[in-house]
Amino acid sequence: MAIIHTPGRATHDNPGDLLTRDEVADLFRVEPSTVSEWARRGRLRSIRTPGGARRFRAEVVYAQLQEAEAEGTTATESGEASAEGATV
């Protein structure tokens, strides 16, 4: 999977970055509300900004994405996108 760098966005090559909820949703091909639900349930831990927005560690998100792809599980097929047990 090739990930194209967009200025201001986290990339696979820059794993220390933080991803927004919408960026995570795009990667897993789910609605942003699904990512929020994963975070609320503890399946994908997040960091809160001072303004209350969620951010997700890119290195963990990409690891979870690779794991889901290796298992042949897509977000839309499983409904959970193998995000269980994520440790952001």
Protein backbone atom coordinates (compact mmCIF):
# COMPACT_ATOMS: atom_id res chain seq x y z
CA MET A 1 0.00 0.00 0.00
CA ALA A 2 1.43 3.34 -1.00
CA ILE A 3 0.68 6.29 1.20
CA ILE A 4 1.20 9.67 -0.39
CA HIS A 5 2.54 12.45 1.78
CA THR A 6 0.32 15.48 2.02
CA PRO A 7 1.80 18.46 3.86
CA GLY A 8 0.33 18.73 7.33
CA ARG A 9 -0.77 15.10 7.42
CA ALA A 10 0.88 12.13 9.07
CA THR A 11 2.39 9.51 6.80
CA HIS A 12 3.55 5.95 7.12
CA ASP A 13 7.12 7.25 6.79
CA ASN A 14 6.64 9.65 9.70
CA PRO A 15 5.12 7.39 12.40
CA GLY A 16 5.53 9.80 15.31
CA ASP A 17 2.82 11.97 13.85
CA LEU A 18 -0.76 12.14 15.01
CA LEU A 19 -3.74 11.45 12.79
CA THR A 20 -7.14 13.09 12.99
CA ARG A 21 -10.33 11.11 13.31
CA ASP A 22 -11.12 11.78 9.64
CA GLU A 23 -7.69 10.57 8.50
CA VAL A 24 -8.12 7.32 10.46
CA ALA A 25 -11.60 6.89 9.01
CA ASP A 26 -10.21 7.34 5.48
CA LEU A 27 -7.52 4.73 6.09
CA PHE A 28 -9.97 2.14 7.42
CA ARG A 29 -12.70 3.15 4.95
CA VAL A 30 -15.27 3.77 7.67
CA GLU A 31 -17.29 6.77 8.79
CA PRO A 32 -15.58 9.17 11.24
CA SER A 33 -18.27 8.33 13.80
CA THR A 34 -17.08 4.70 13.72
CA VAL A 35 -13.57 5.81 14.68
CA SER A 36 -15.03 7.86 17.53
CA GLU A 37 -16.96 4.81 18.69
CA TRP A 38 -13.79 2.67 18.61
CA ALA A 39 -12.09 5.32 20.74
CA ARG A 40 -15.01 5.49 23.21
CA ARG A 41 -14.95 1.70 23.58
CA GLY A 42 -11.20 1.59 24.06
CA ARG A 43 -10.55 -0.34 20.85
CA LEU A 44 -8.46 2.48 19.44
CA ARG A 45 -7.02 4.73 22.11
CA SER A 46 -6.68 8.40 21.41
CA ILE A 47 -5.10 11.53 22.73
CA ARG A 48 -7.26 14.59 23.39
CA THR A 49 -6.13 18.00 22.25
CA PRO A 50 -6.71 21.01 24.53
CA GLY A 51 -9.79 21.74 22.40
CA GLY A 52 -11.16 18.23 22.99
CA ALA A 53 -10.49 16.76 19.52
CA ARG A 54 -9.18 13.22 19.28
CA ARG A 55 -5.81 12.41 17.76
CA PHE A 56 -4.41 8.96 17.08
CA ARG A 57 -0.76 7.89 16.97
CA ALA A 58 0.07 7.19 13.33
CA GLU A 59 2.47 4.32 14.09
CA VAL A 60 -0.24 2.38 15.93
CA VAL A 61 -2.94 3.14 13.38
CA TYR A 62 -0.71 1.97 10.51
CA ALA A 63 0.21 -1.19 12.45
CA GLN A 64 -3.48 -1.95 13.00
CA LEU A 65 -4.19 -1.27 9.33
CA GLN A 66 -1.40 -3.62 8.21
CA GLU A 67 -2.68 -6.28 10.60
CA ALA A 68 -6.21 -5.96 9.18
CA GLU A 69 -4.89 -6.16 5.62
CA ALA A 70 -2.73 -9.20 6.44
CA GLU A 71 -5.77 -10.96 7.87
CA GLY A 72 -7.74 -10.01 4.77
CA THR A 73 -10.19 -8.08 6.91
CA THR A 74 -11.45 -4.78 5.66
CA ALA A 75 -13.20 -2.28 7.86
CA THR A 76 -16.45 -2.56 6.00
CA GLU A 77 -16.44 -6.36 6.11
CA SER A 78 -15.79 -6.77 9.81
CA GLY A 79 -17.40 -3.65 11.22
CA GLU A 80 -14.54 -3.57 13.69
CA ALA A 81 -11.57 -3.22 11.31
CA SER A 82 -9.41 -5.26 13.67
CA ALA A 83 -9.02 -2.19 15.83
CA GLU A 84 -9.50 -4.22 18.99
CA GLY A 85 -6.55 -4.15 21.31
CA ALA A 86 -4.98 -1.07 19.78
CA THR A 87 -2.60 0.70 22.10
CA VAL A 88 -2.23 4.26 20.97
